Amino acid sequence: AAFLRAREGFLVAGRAARRVVEQAIGVLERLGAIGVKHGARVDKYVGDGMMLSFETAGAHNAPQALKAAIAMQEEFEAIAGEWQRVGYELDALDHRIGIASGPVYGRRMGYGASSAFTIMGAPVNLAAHLCEYARDTKFHILLSNSTEEAARKHVPAGYELKPFTVPKTAAFEVVPV
């Protein structure tokens, strides 16, 4: 399963760049640790977002990715509460997750000292696509059809999966009940 999580909104006018970077790093550290705890590998950081990969073969990847996404969203809500208590602006704070499953391939990309291992394939692109549309959902998590099929029997208590319209693909929204 490929898992992409992205954030926007740290670059808000009036905040010192150093402070913004420190806040972004803090959020990414906390959320990345949750992903790793659930069996993910941080594939890369992109701006103030990151891509995680659940690379081991087998159907257990989708349920693990779903559980990680829910835990990350719950942690993000806790972070937002902490920020609100200390007076940080929350208007631009955004968090969304797209999860897609399927065969991917990994290899080193780049050249020389700048090369790094990454994963590629249709699920990675679909996860990024779903991540964009997740901003329009209640809980900001979207799953691909194949991920939903693999994870539907493992949805944690208190959540359900509902169909969500995304152009050119079937998707499912994670919704707290």
Protein backbone atom coordinates (compact mmCIF):
# COMPACT_ATOMS: atom_id res chain seq x y z
CA ALA A 1 0.00 0.00 0.00
CA ALA A 2 1.25 3.43 -0.82
CA PHE A 3 0.33 6.21 1.54
CA LEU A 4 0.68 9.92 0.93
CA ARG A 5 -0.01 12.57 3.49
CA ALA A 6 0.32 16.22 2.80
CA ARG A 7 -0.13 19.43 4.67
CA GLU A 8 -0.49 22.97 3.57
CA GLY A 9 -0.71 26.29 5.25
CA PHE A 10 2.41 26.72 7.31
CA LEU A 11 3.67 29.53 5.11
CA VAL A 12 1.45 32.21 6.57
CA ALA A 13 2.31 35.88 6.20
CA GLY A 14 3.56 37.45 9.39
CA ARG A 15 5.21 34.38 10.86
CA ALA A 16 8.97 34.18 11.07
CA ALA A 17 10.39 31.58 8.68
CA ARG A 18 12.39 29.86 11.42
CA ARG A 19 9.30 29.44 13.58
CA VAL A 20 7.30 28.07 10.64
CA VAL A 21 9.99 25.50 9.85
CA GLU A 22 10.25 24.44 13.49
CA GLN A 23 6.48 23.96 13.67
CA ALA A 24 6.42 21.97 10.42
CA ILE A 25 9.26 19.73 11.61
CA GLY A 26 7.48 19.12 14.90
CA VAL A 27 4.25 18.10 13.19
CA LEU A 28 6.02 15.86 10.67
CA GLU A 29 8.04 14.16 13.44
CA ARG A 30 4.92 13.37 15.46
CA LEU A 31 2.88 12.14 12.50
CA GLY A 32 5.79 10.27 10.90
CA ALA A 33 6.41 8.41 14.15
CA ILE A 34 2.79 7.22 14.10
CA GLY A 35 3.21 5.91 10.57
CA VAL A 36 6.40 4.06 11.48
CA LYS A 37 4.71 2.58 14.56
CA HIS A 38 2.09 1.11 12.20
CA GLY A 39 4.69 -0.43 9.87
CA ALA A 40 5.36 2.37 7.40
CA ARG A 41 8.63 3.67 6.04
CA VAL A 42 8.96 7.41 5.44
CA ASP A 43 9.69 7.48 1.72
CA LYS A 44 10.19 11.21 1.39
CA TYR A 45 9.36 14.65 2.65
CA VAL A 46 7.91 17.07 0.12
CA GLY A 47 7.73 20.61 1.43
CA ASP A 48 5.61 20.42 4.58
CA GLY A 49 4.20 17.01 3.67
CA MET A 50 5.45 13.45 3.50
CA MET A 51 4.90 10.19 1.69
CA LEU A 52 4.85 6.93 3.61
CA SER A 53 5.09 3.43 2.19
CA PHE A 54 3.81 0.16 3.59
CA GLU A 55 6.06 -2.11 1.54
CA THR A 56 5.76 -5.65 2.80
CA ALA A 57 3.77 -8.02 0.65
CA GLY A 58 0.35 -9.10 1.82
CA ALA A 59 -3.16 -7.90 2.48
CA HIS A 60 -2.33 -6.62 5.98
CA ASN A 61 -0.83 -3.40 4.54
CA ALA A 62 -4.16 -1.71 3.81
CA PRO A 63 -5.58 -2.20 7.34
CA GLN A 64 -2.28 -0.96 8.81
CA ALA A 65 -2.30 2.10 6.54
CA LEU A 66 -5.91 2.82 7.52
CA LYS A 67 -5.14 2.52 11.23
CA ALA A 68 -2.09 4.75 10.80
CA ALA A 69 -4.14 7.37 8.93
CA ILE A 70 -6.81 7.47 11.63
CA ALA A 71 -4.18 7.71 14.39
CA MET A 72 -2.39 10.49 12.45
CA GLN A 73 -5.64 12.42 12.01
CA GLU A 74 -6.44 12.08 15.71
CA GLU A 75 -2.92 13.30 16.57
CA PHE A 76 -3.29 16.19 14.15
CA GLU A 77 -6.48 17.23 15.94
CA ALA A 78 -4.55 17.13 19.24
CA ILE A 79 -1.81 19.29 17.69
CA ALA A 80 -4.42 21.78 16.48
CA GLY A 81 -5.81 21.94 20.03
CA GLU A 82 -2.34 22.58 21.44
CA TRP A 83 -1.74 25.32 18.89
CA GLN A 84 -5.07 26.94 19.68
CA ARG A 85 -4.26 27.02 23.41
CA VAL A 86 -1.02 28.92 22.74
CA GLY A 87 -2.63 31.31 20.26
CA TYR A 88 -1.30 30.05 16.91
CA GLU A 89 -3.35 30.80 13.81
CA LEU A 90 -5.33 27.74 12.72
CA ASP A 91 -7.10 29.17 9.65
CA ALA A 92 -4.49 27.96 7.17
CA LEU A 93 -3.74 24.67 8.93
CA ASP A 94 -4.68 21.79 6.66
CA HIS A 95 -4.14 18.05 6.86
CA ARG A 96 -5.27 15.39 4.45
CA ILE A 97 -4.43 11.78 3.63
CA GLY A 98 -4.81 9.68 0.50
CA ILE A 99 -4.20 5.92 0.56
CA ALA A 100 -3.94 3.62 -2.45
CA SER A 101 -2.91 -0.02 -2.66
CA GLY A 102 -1.33 -2.07 -5.38
CA PRO A 103 1.95 -3.08 -6.94
CA VAL A 104 4.70 -0.49 -6.82
CA TYR A 105 8.35 -0.71 -7.64
CA GLY A 106 11.23 0.78 -5.76
CA ARG A 107 14.64 1.89 -6.84
CA ARG A 108 17.25 4.54 -6.31
CA MET A 109 16.55 7.72 -8.25
CA GLY A 110 18.90 10.61 -8.91
CA TYR A 111 22.64 10.47 -9.30
CA GLY A 112 25.66 10.34 -7.06
CA ALA A 113 25.26 11.59 -3.54
CA SER A 114 21.81 13.03 -4.34
CA SER A 115 20.24 9.66 -5.17
CA ALA A 116 17.67 8.16 -2.82
CA PHE A 117 15.44 5.09 -2.74
CA THR A 118 11.79 5.76 -3.60
CA ILE A 119 8.69 3.93 -4.76
CA MET A 120 6.86 4.54 -8.02
CA GLY A 121 3.74 3.28 -9.74
CA ALA A 122 0.07 3.91 -10.24
CA PRO A 123 -0.83 3.53 -6.52
CA VAL A 124 1.61 6.32 -5.61
CA ASN A 125 0.04 8.64 -8.18
CA LEU A 126 -3.46 7.67 -7.09
CA ALA A 127 -2.62 8.30 -3.42
CA ALA A 128 -1.45 11.82 -4.34
CA HIS A 129 -4.66 12.36 -6.33
CA LEU A 130 -6.81 11.16 -3.42
CA CYS A 131 -4.85 13.35 -1.04
CA GLU A 132 -5.89 16.42 -3.03
CA TYR A 133 -9.57 15.47 -2.87
CA ALA A 134 -9.42 14.55 0.83
CA ARG A 135 -9.64 18.26 1.70
CA ASP A 136 -13.33 18.02 0.75
CA THR A 137 -14.09 15.22 3.22
CA LYS A 138 -15.17 15.46 6.84
CA PHE A 139 -12.19 13.58 8.35
CA HIS A 140 -9.69 14.32 5.53
CA ILE A 141 -8.87 10.68 4.67
CA LEU A 142 -9.66 9.02 1.33
CA LEU A 143 -9.01 5.40 0.36
CA SER A 144 -8.81 3.90 -3.11
CA ASN A 145 -11.25 1.15 -4.04
CA SER A 146 -8.57 -1.55 -3.71
CA THR A 147 -7.56 -0.25 -0.28
CA GLU A 148 -11.18 -0.19 0.87
CA GLU A 149 -11.65 -3.80 -0.29
CA ALA A 150 -8.59 -4.93 1.66
CA ALA A 151 -9.37 -2.87 4.78
CA ARG A 152 -13.18 -3.00 5.05
CA LYS A 153 -13.18 -5.82 7.63
CA HIS A 154 -10.60 -3.99 9.75
CA VAL A 155 -12.19 -0.55 10.19
CA PRO A 156 -11.67 0.48 13.82
CA ALA A 157 -14.74 0.89 16.03
CA GLY A 158 -16.15 4.38 15.82
CA TYR A 159 -15.41 4.77 12.08
CA GLU A 160 -17.01 3.72 8.83
CA LEU A 161 -16.16 3.90 5.13
CA LYS A 162 -18.53 5.70 2.78
CA PRO A 163 -18.33 6.06 -1.00
CA PHE A 164 -16.94 9.42 -2.12
CA THR A 165 -17.01 10.82 -5.64
CA VAL A 166 -13.58 11.48 -7.14
CA PRO A 167 -13.12 11.98 -10.90
CA LYS A 168 -11.90 8.89 -12.78
CA THR A 169 -11.76 6.54 -9.78
CA ALA A 170 -13.81 5.00 -6.97
CA ALA A 171 -12.95 6.27 -3.52
CA PHE A 172 -14.10 5.85 0.05
CA GLU A 173 -14.14 8.45 2.82
CA VAL A 174 -13.25 7.56 6.41
CA VAL A 175 -16.00 8.98 8.62
CA PRO A 176 -16.22 9.03 12.42
CA VAL A 177 -19.58 7.67 13.60
